[in-house]
Amino acid sequence: MGYYEAMTKSDIRLSVVREDESVSRITWEADDAPAVMNKEAKAMLLALWDAESRNSLRIDLWTQDMTVQDMNDFFYQTLLTMADTYQNATKNKGLMAEIKIFAREFADKAAKFEAKQSRMP
């Protein structure tokens, strides 16, 4: 079997609806996703590594109805999964643990800030 015969391809499609300067709807679908197709999302972080320029390329979007609590949860969970991904790619368990400690500290501080904001008039 040749190199190209063993390769598979999967497309991921994102759709973003904008109203004025804000995002009103984000949907996504993937060829081999186990989830329901054309799934709605309230936020997305897309990061790609450009090895030639040694730079990350990013698209960060969230819908106008994304709550602060949901954004805090989204970032917390993203940080945790980034820690796991980093450890899987580098085998550096020490830095993975540091990222997870930071994620927990982030969640605590975000919750405290949110509680403080909700008490303000």
Protein backbone atom coordinates (compact mmCIF):
# COMPACT_ATOMS: atom_id res chain seq x y z
CA MET A 1 0.00 0.00 0.00
CA GLY A 2 1.42 3.40 -1.00
CA TYR A 3 1.76 6.46 1.22
CA TYR A 4 -1.25 8.25 -0.25
CA GLU A 5 -3.45 5.16 -0.10
CA ALA A 6 -3.15 5.07 3.70
CA MET A 7 -4.06 8.74 4.14
CA THR A 8 -7.54 9.88 5.05
CA LYS A 9 -9.01 13.34 4.84
CA SER A 10 -11.59 14.95 7.10
CA ASP A 11 -13.02 18.41 6.55
CA ILE A 12 -14.15 20.69 9.35
CA ARG A 13 -16.49 23.52 8.38
CA LEU A 14 -17.19 26.64 10.43
CA SER A 15 -19.97 29.12 9.76
CA VAL A 16 -20.10 32.54 11.42
CA VAL A 17 -23.03 34.95 11.19
CA ARG A 18 -22.20 38.57 11.99
CA GLU A 19 -24.55 41.41 12.80
CA ASP A 20 -22.86 44.81 12.72
CA GLU A 21 -19.70 44.39 14.82
CA SER A 22 -20.76 41.30 16.82
CA VAL A 23 -21.17 37.59 16.16
CA SER A 24 -24.73 36.31 16.42
CA ARG A 25 -24.22 32.64 15.52
CA ILE A 26 -21.42 30.10 15.18
CA THR A 27 -22.03 26.63 13.77
CA TRP A 28 -19.63 23.83 12.89
CA GLU A 29 -19.63 20.40 11.35
CA ALA A 30 -17.01 17.78 10.60
CA ASP A 31 -17.00 14.82 8.26
CA ASP A 32 -16.14 12.29 10.97
CA ALA A 33 -17.63 13.99 14.05
CA PRO A 34 -19.62 11.67 16.31
CA ALA A 35 -21.91 14.59 17.23
CA VAL A 36 -24.95 15.94 15.43
CA MET A 37 -23.96 17.77 12.28
CA ASN A 38 -24.19 21.57 12.02
CA LYS A 39 -23.78 21.95 15.78
CA GLU A 40 -24.14 25.41 17.31
CA ALA A 41 -21.41 26.92 19.49
CA LYS A 42 -21.28 30.09 21.57
CA ALA A 43 -17.52 30.61 21.26
CA MET A 44 -14.47 29.30 19.43
CA LEU A 45 -10.72 29.57 19.67
CA LEU A 46 -8.81 28.46 16.59
CA ALA A 47 -5.02 28.46 16.67
CA LEU A 48 -2.81 27.32 13.83
CA TRP A 49 0.99 27.14 13.86
CA ASP A 50 2.82 28.66 10.88
CA ALA A 51 6.19 26.89 11.09
CA GLU A 52 7.72 29.01 8.33
CA SER A 53 7.15 32.32 10.16
CA ARG A 54 7.26 30.64 13.61
CA ASN A 55 4.04 32.36 14.55
CA SER A 56 0.59 31.30 15.69
CA LEU A 57 -2.41 32.39 13.69
CA ARG A 58 -5.61 32.77 15.67
CA ILE A 59 -9.31 33.36 15.31
CA ASP A 60 -11.14 34.03 18.58
CA LEU A 61 -14.89 34.57 18.31
CA TRP A 62 -17.83 34.50 20.70
CA THR A 63 -21.50 35.24 20.24
CA GLN A 64 -23.15 38.33 21.66
CA ASP A 65 -25.20 36.19 24.07
CA MET A 66 -22.20 34.36 25.57
CA THR A 67 -22.35 34.93 29.32
CA VAL A 68 -19.32 35.84 31.43
CA GLN A 69 -19.82 32.64 33.44
CA ASP A 70 -19.82 30.58 30.24
CA MET A 71 -16.68 32.39 29.01
CA ASN A 72 -14.96 31.67 32.33
CA ASP A 73 -15.89 27.98 32.08
CA PHE A 74 -14.81 27.88 28.43
CA PHE A 75 -11.38 29.30 29.22
CA TYR A 76 -10.92 27.05 32.25
CA GLN A 77 -11.75 23.91 30.28
CA THR A 78 -9.60 25.09 27.35
CA LEU A 79 -6.62 25.62 29.65
CA LEU A 80 -7.05 22.12 31.09
CA THR A 81 -7.20 20.50 27.66
CA MET A 82 -4.23 22.58 26.49
CA ALA A 83 -2.26 21.21 29.44
CA ASP A 84 -3.10 17.65 28.41
CA THR A 85 -2.25 18.36 24.77
CA TYR A 86 1.06 19.94 25.79
CA GLN A 87 1.98 16.92 27.91
CA ASN A 88 1.01 14.48 25.15
CA ALA A 89 3.14 16.38 22.62
CA THR A 90 6.20 17.09 24.79
CA LYS A 91 6.04 14.41 27.54
CA ASN A 92 6.71 17.28 30.01
CA LYS A 93 4.53 16.35 32.99
CA GLY A 94 5.97 19.15 35.14
CA LEU A 95 4.84 21.97 32.86
CA MET A 96 1.52 20.21 32.28
CA ALA A 97 0.96 20.30 36.04
CA GLU A 98 1.92 23.99 36.16
CA ILE A 99 -0.62 24.80 33.44
CA LYS A 100 -3.32 22.93 35.37
CA ILE A 101 -2.44 24.81 38.57
CA PHE A 102 -2.73 28.06 36.63
CA ALA A 103 -6.10 26.92 35.23
CA ARG A 104 -7.44 26.29 38.73
CA GLU A 105 -6.13 29.67 39.94
CA PHE A 106 -7.72 31.30 36.90
CA ALA A 107 -11.09 29.67 37.67
CA ASP A 108 -10.96 30.81 41.29
CA LYS A 109 -10.05 34.40 40.38
CA ALA A 110 -12.64 34.54 37.59
CA ALA A 111 -15.37 33.33 39.96
CA LYS A 112 -14.38 35.91 42.58
CA PHE A 113 -14.36 38.70 39.99
CA GLU A 114 -17.75 37.61 38.64
CA ALA A 115 -19.22 37.54 42.16
CA LYS A 116 -17.83 41.03 42.84
CA GLN A 117 -19.27 42.35 39.57
CA SER A 118 -22.72 40.90 40.35
CA ARG A 119 -22.80 42.76 43.69
CA MET A 120 -22.05 46.12 42.06
CA PRO A 121 -25.02 48.42 41.39
